[in-house]
Amino acid sequence: MKIAVITGASSGMGQEFAVQINKKCLGLDEIWLIARRQDRLEELSGQLTLPARIFAMDLTDDPSYAELIYALETEKPQVRVMVNCAGYGKTGPFQEIGMEDTLGMIDLNCRALTKMTYLLLPYMPKRSYLIQVASVAGILPQPNFAVYAASKAYVLSLSRGLREELRGKGISVTAVCPGPVATDFFAIAEETGSAFALKKYFVAKKEKVVALALKDAFAKKDMSVYGLSMKALRLLVKVVPQKMILYVYGKLCRNV
């Protein structure tokens, strides 16, 4: 049985990955949808033409993995596409964000992504694709977004390292590094503080970000960065010292 597995599938980019992978089919037999909200996963599964299996689970809670692990061990599917999309961020000064939210970002964005990767890799054959959703925030530390940016730097670094490890096994790894995307992300992020207003001028549509991500992944690219502004930022970080960028960014944040 050939499957795609998508975490964070109940909303935002995760949901969009499910919709677009379903349209491409890719010879898949099923799509496995993973998120906490079962009602939203059921609603999404009704929109797909491929059979969908729902795993309503909290990726930060180890006992929640039991059903998924059992399904993998008993059915031994071929995971042709794995999309690690679950994650969240909180904006605001480090000490003003609650410790639970701060550690929760690390648990979901880093630990859960690593655990899912660890569990799924043994079932990924040659010519399969591992898509890790990082962020353009991962290429540069960000004041008032410090833990989120650091967590995505981890995802980016892990993806690059795994890409070289898995090259000989025929498994392609792509880190997706979008800028701001029009999803529920900022509604959650801004519960603890307002995002730097300039970011809102660069918000992209999730449909376009995901379409490019899949195109780049299937072309076996190491990174997928949507939009000229985000590509320009990536280039800027390569040529201008981070210390200088952070100084200017910090002054702009304080003046907003």
Protein backbone atom coordinates (compact mmCIF):
# COMPACT_ATOMS: atom_id res chain seq x y z
CA MET A 1 0.00 0.00 0.00
CA LYS A 2 1.42 3.38 -1.08
CA ILE A 3 0.53 6.33 1.12
CA ALA A 4 1.19 9.99 1.87
CA VAL A 5 1.35 11.11 5.50
CA ILE A 6 0.63 14.72 6.45
CA THR A 7 0.84 16.25 9.91
CA GLY A 8 -0.97 19.46 10.79
CA ALA A 9 -3.59 18.47 8.22
CA SER A 10 -6.60 20.03 9.94
CA SER A 11 -5.93 23.57 8.71
CA GLY A 12 -3.62 25.94 6.87
CA MET A 13 -0.78 24.60 4.78
CA GLY A 14 -1.19 21.05 6.05
CA GLN A 15 -4.74 20.98 4.78
CA GLU A 16 -3.60 22.46 1.47
CA PHE A 17 -0.88 19.83 1.10
CA ALA A 18 -3.58 17.15 1.46
CA VAL A 19 -5.78 18.78 -1.18
CA GLN A 20 -2.98 19.19 -3.72
CA ILE A 21 -1.39 15.78 -3.15
CA ASN A 22 -4.85 14.25 -3.58
CA LYS A 23 -5.20 15.97 -6.98
CA LYS A 24 -1.80 14.77 -8.15
CA CYS A 25 -2.59 11.21 -6.97
CA LEU A 26 1.01 10.01 -7.52
CA GLY A 27 -0.19 6.41 -7.60
CA LEU A 28 -1.18 6.60 -3.94
CA ASP A 29 -3.67 4.26 -2.31
CA GLU A 30 -4.37 6.36 0.80
CA ILE A 31 -3.60 9.65 2.49
CA TRP A 32 -3.04 9.53 6.24
CA LEU A 33 -4.13 12.75 7.91
CA ILE A 34 -2.73 13.69 11.31
CA ALA A 35 -3.85 16.52 13.61
CA ARG A 36 -5.63 17.03 16.93
CA ARG A 37 -9.04 18.10 15.61
CA GLN A 38 -10.91 15.04 14.39
CA ASP A 39 -13.92 16.99 13.15
CA ARG A 40 -11.76 19.03 10.79
CA LEU A 41 -9.93 15.95 9.57
CA GLU A 42 -13.25 14.26 8.84
CA GLU A 43 -14.41 17.33 6.94
CA LEU A 44 -11.19 17.33 4.92
CA SER A 45 -11.37 13.61 4.18
CA GLY A 46 -14.81 14.16 2.66
CA GLN A 47 -13.26 16.56 0.14
CA LEU A 48 -10.64 14.09 -1.07
CA THR A 49 -11.07 11.53 -3.83
CA LEU A 50 -8.42 9.22 -2.40
CA PRO A 51 -9.28 7.20 0.71
CA ALA A 52 -8.13 9.06 3.79
CA ARG A 53 -7.26 7.61 7.18
CA ILE A 54 -7.60 9.87 10.19
CA PHE A 55 -5.28 9.91 13.18
CA ALA A 56 -6.61 12.44 15.67
CA MET A 57 -3.56 12.78 17.88
CA ASP A 58 -1.54 15.31 19.84
CA LEU A 59 2.00 15.09 18.49
CA THR A 60 3.40 16.47 21.75
CA ASP A 61 1.85 13.59 23.74
CA ASP A 62 3.81 10.34 23.42
CA PRO A 63 0.89 7.97 24.22
CA SER A 64 -1.03 9.52 21.28
CA TYR A 65 1.34 7.78 18.85
CA ALA A 66 0.18 4.26 19.75
CA GLU A 67 -2.45 3.96 17.00
CA LEU A 68 -0.11 5.31 14.32
CA ILE A 69 2.75 3.05 15.37
CA TYR A 70 0.43 0.02 15.38
CA ALA A 71 -0.84 0.86 11.88
CA LEU A 72 2.72 1.21 10.56
CA GLU A 73 3.95 -2.01 12.14
CA THR A 74 0.98 -4.15 11.08
CA GLU A 75 0.37 -2.79 7.57
CA LYS A 76 3.93 -1.83 6.62
CA PRO A 77 2.89 0.74 4.00
CA GLN A 78 5.21 2.41 1.53
CA VAL A 79 5.33 6.05 2.57
CA ARG A 80 5.92 7.77 -0.76
CA VAL A 81 5.38 11.29 0.59
CA MET A 82 5.83 12.51 4.16
CA VAL A 83 4.91 16.11 4.99
CA ASN A 84 5.84 17.37 8.45
CA CYS A 85 3.68 20.48 8.60
CA ALA A 86 2.46 20.64 12.22
CA GLY A 87 3.79 23.63 14.13
CA TYR A 88 2.96 26.98 15.68
CA GLY A 89 4.60 30.20 16.83
CA LYS A 90 4.08 32.91 19.42
CA THR A 91 5.21 36.49 18.97
CA GLY A 92 6.34 38.91 21.64
CA PRO A 93 9.29 39.45 23.99
CA PHE A 94 10.75 36.17 25.27
CA GLN A 95 9.88 36.76 28.92
CA GLU A 96 6.32 37.86 28.14
CA ILE A 97 5.43 34.59 26.43
CA GLY A 98 4.37 31.93 28.92
CA MET A 99 6.78 29.09 29.56
CA GLU A 100 4.16 26.54 28.50
CA ASP A 101 3.75 28.21 25.10
CA THR A 102 7.50 28.58 24.68
CA LEU A 103 8.26 24.95 25.46
CA GLY A 104 5.24 23.89 23.42
CA MET A 105 6.79 25.47 20.32
CA ILE A 106 9.95 23.45 20.84
CA ASP A 107 8.02 20.25 21.55
CA LEU A 108 5.87 20.51 18.41
CA ASN A 109 8.15 22.27 15.94
CA CYS A 110 11.29 20.29 16.83
CA ARG A 111 10.70 17.20 18.97
CA ALA A 112 7.47 16.00 17.31
CA LEU A 113 8.82 16.63 13.80
CA THR A 114 11.93 14.64 14.69
CA LYS A 115 9.89 11.80 16.17
CA MET A 116 7.61 11.59 13.12
CA THR A 117 10.64 11.57 10.83
CA TYR A 118 12.22 8.81 12.91
CA LEU A 119 9.05 6.69 12.83
CA LEU A 120 8.31 7.10 9.13
CA LEU A 121 11.75 6.81 7.54
CA PRO A 122 11.91 2.99 7.82
CA TYR A 123 8.80 2.84 5.62
CA MET A 124 10.06 5.24 2.93
CA PRO A 125 11.38 3.42 -0.18
CA LYS A 126 13.55 4.74 -2.98
CA ARG A 127 12.04 7.63 -4.93
CA SER A 128 10.08 8.89 -1.94
CA TYR A 129 9.91 12.44 -0.69
CA LEU A 130 10.33 13.90 2.80
CA ILE A 131 8.98 17.45 3.01
CA GLN A 132 9.84 19.36 6.18
CA VAL A 133 8.01 22.66 6.66
CA ALA A 134 10.51 25.09 8.14
CA SER A 135 10.25 28.86 7.62
CA VAL A 136 12.23 31.72 6.20
CA ALA A 137 12.43 32.73 9.88
CA GLY A 138 14.83 29.81 10.25
CA ILE A 139 17.56 31.53 8.26
CA LEU A 140 17.87 34.50 10.64
CA PRO A 141 17.32 35.03 14.39
CA GLN A 142 14.33 37.28 15.06
CA PRO A 143 13.72 39.51 18.08
CA ASN A 144 10.18 39.04 19.46
CA PHE A 145 9.97 35.78 17.53
CA ALA A 146 13.11 34.26 18.98
CA VAL A 147 12.02 30.75 19.96
CA TYR A 148 9.94 30.18 16.82
CA ALA A 149 12.81 31.30 14.57
CA ALA A 150 15.23 29.08 16.51
CA SER A 151 12.90 26.09 16.20
CA LYS A 152 12.67 26.56 12.45
CA ALA A 153 16.46 26.92 12.20
CA TYR A 154 16.57 23.44 13.77
CA VAL A 155 14.16 22.10 11.14
CA LEU A 156 16.22 23.63 8.34
CA SER A 157 19.49 22.26 9.71
CA LEU A 158 18.02 18.80 10.32
CA SER A 159 16.59 18.70 6.79
CA ARG A 160 19.91 19.59 5.22
CA GLY A 161 21.76 16.99 7.24
CA LEU A 162 19.20 14.27 6.49
CA ARG A 163 19.26 15.14 2.80
CA GLU A 164 22.92 14.10 2.60
CA GLU A 165 22.42 11.02 4.80
CA LEU A 166 19.50 9.76 2.72
CA ARG A 167 20.86 10.60 -0.71
CA GLY A 168 22.25 7.09 -1.15
CA LYS A 169 18.89 5.56 -0.21
CA GLY A 170 17.06 7.48 -2.92
CA ILE A 171 14.97 9.53 -0.46
CA SER A 172 14.78 13.22 -1.30
CA VAL A 173 14.48 15.78 1.52
CA THR A 174 13.18 19.31 0.93
CA ALA A 175 12.91 22.08 3.49
CA VAL A 176 9.99 24.40 2.76
CA CYS A 177 10.81 27.94 3.91
CA PRO A 178 7.85 30.26 3.38
CA GLY A 179 7.50 33.77 4.67
CA PRO A 180 4.15 34.91 6.08
CA VAL A 181 1.28 32.81 4.71
CA ALA A 182 -2.43 33.63 4.81
CA THR A 183 -3.54 31.00 7.35
CA ASP A 184 -4.67 30.90 10.99
CA PHE A 185 -1.00 31.06 12.00
CA PHE A 186 -0.91 34.75 12.88
CA ALA A 187 -4.20 34.61 14.77
CA ILE A 188 -2.50 32.16 17.15
CA ALA A 189 0.90 33.85 17.03
CA GLU A 190 -0.46 37.27 17.96
CA GLU A 191 -2.22 36.08 21.10
CA THR A 192 0.96 37.00 22.98
CA GLY A 193 2.09 40.01 20.95
CA SER A 194 1.80 41.78 17.62
CA ALA A 195 3.94 40.68 14.71
CA PHE A 196 6.23 43.23 13.07
CA ALA A 197 3.76 45.09 10.83
CA LEU A 198 6.06 45.05 7.78
CA LYS A 199 5.65 41.27 7.51
CA LYS A 200 1.99 41.69 6.64
CA TYR A 201 2.94 43.28 3.31
CA PHE A 202 4.53 40.01 2.21
CA VAL A 203 1.73 37.55 3.02
CA ALA A 204 1.45 34.80 0.41
CA LYS A 205 -1.46 32.54 -0.51
CA LYS A 206 -1.14 29.03 0.88
CA GLU A 207 -2.20 27.50 -2.45
CA LYS A 208 0.79 29.05 -4.23
CA VAL A 209 3.25 28.25 -1.46
CA VAL A 210 2.21 24.59 -1.37
CA ALA A 211 2.15 24.27 -5.16
CA LEU A 212 5.75 25.48 -5.36
CA ALA A 213 6.75 23.32 -2.40
CA LEU A 214 5.49 20.17 -4.13
CA LYS A 215 7.04 21.19 -7.44
CA ASP A 216 10.40 21.79 -5.78
CA ALA A 217 10.18 18.61 -3.70
CA PHE A 218 9.42 16.44 -6.73
CA ALA A 219 12.33 18.17 -8.53
CA LYS A 220 14.46 17.05 -5.55
CA LYS A 221 15.47 20.56 -4.54
CA ASP A 222 16.95 21.08 -1.09
CA MET A 223 14.84 24.17 -0.29
CA SER A 224 11.60 25.72 -1.47
CA VAL A 225 11.32 29.48 -0.96
CA TYR A 226 8.23 31.20 -2.35
CA GLY A 227 8.23 34.80 -3.56
CA LEU A 228 10.86 37.26 -4.76
CA SER A 229 10.92 39.12 -1.44
CA MET A 230 11.69 35.95 0.54
CA LYS A 231 14.33 34.88 -1.99
CA ALA A 232 15.87 38.36 -1.72
CA LEU A 233 15.96 38.00 2.08
CA ARG A 234 17.71 34.65 1.75
CA LEU A 235 20.32 36.29 -0.50
CA LEU A 236 20.67 39.26 1.87
CA VAL A 237 21.47 36.96 4.79
CA LYS A 238 24.23 35.39 2.73
CA VAL A 239 26.00 38.66 1.92
CA VAL A 240 25.26 40.99 4.87
CA PRO A 241 26.47 40.18 8.41
CA GLN A 242 23.63 38.94 10.60
CA LYS A 243 24.67 41.33 13.36
CA MET A 244 23.97 44.29 11.08
CA ILE A 245 20.62 42.90 9.90
CA LEU A 246 19.53 42.21 13.48
CA TYR A 247 20.50 45.72 14.58
CA VAL A 248 18.38 47.33 11.85
CA TYR A 249 15.53 44.89 12.41
CA GLY A 250 15.55 45.57 16.15
CA LYS A 251 15.39 49.34 15.61
CA LEU A 252 12.51 48.98 13.19
CA CYS A 253 10.61 46.78 15.66
CA ARG A 254 11.07 49.30 18.45
CA ASN A 255 9.84 52.13 16.24
CA VAL A 256 6.68 50.37 15.05
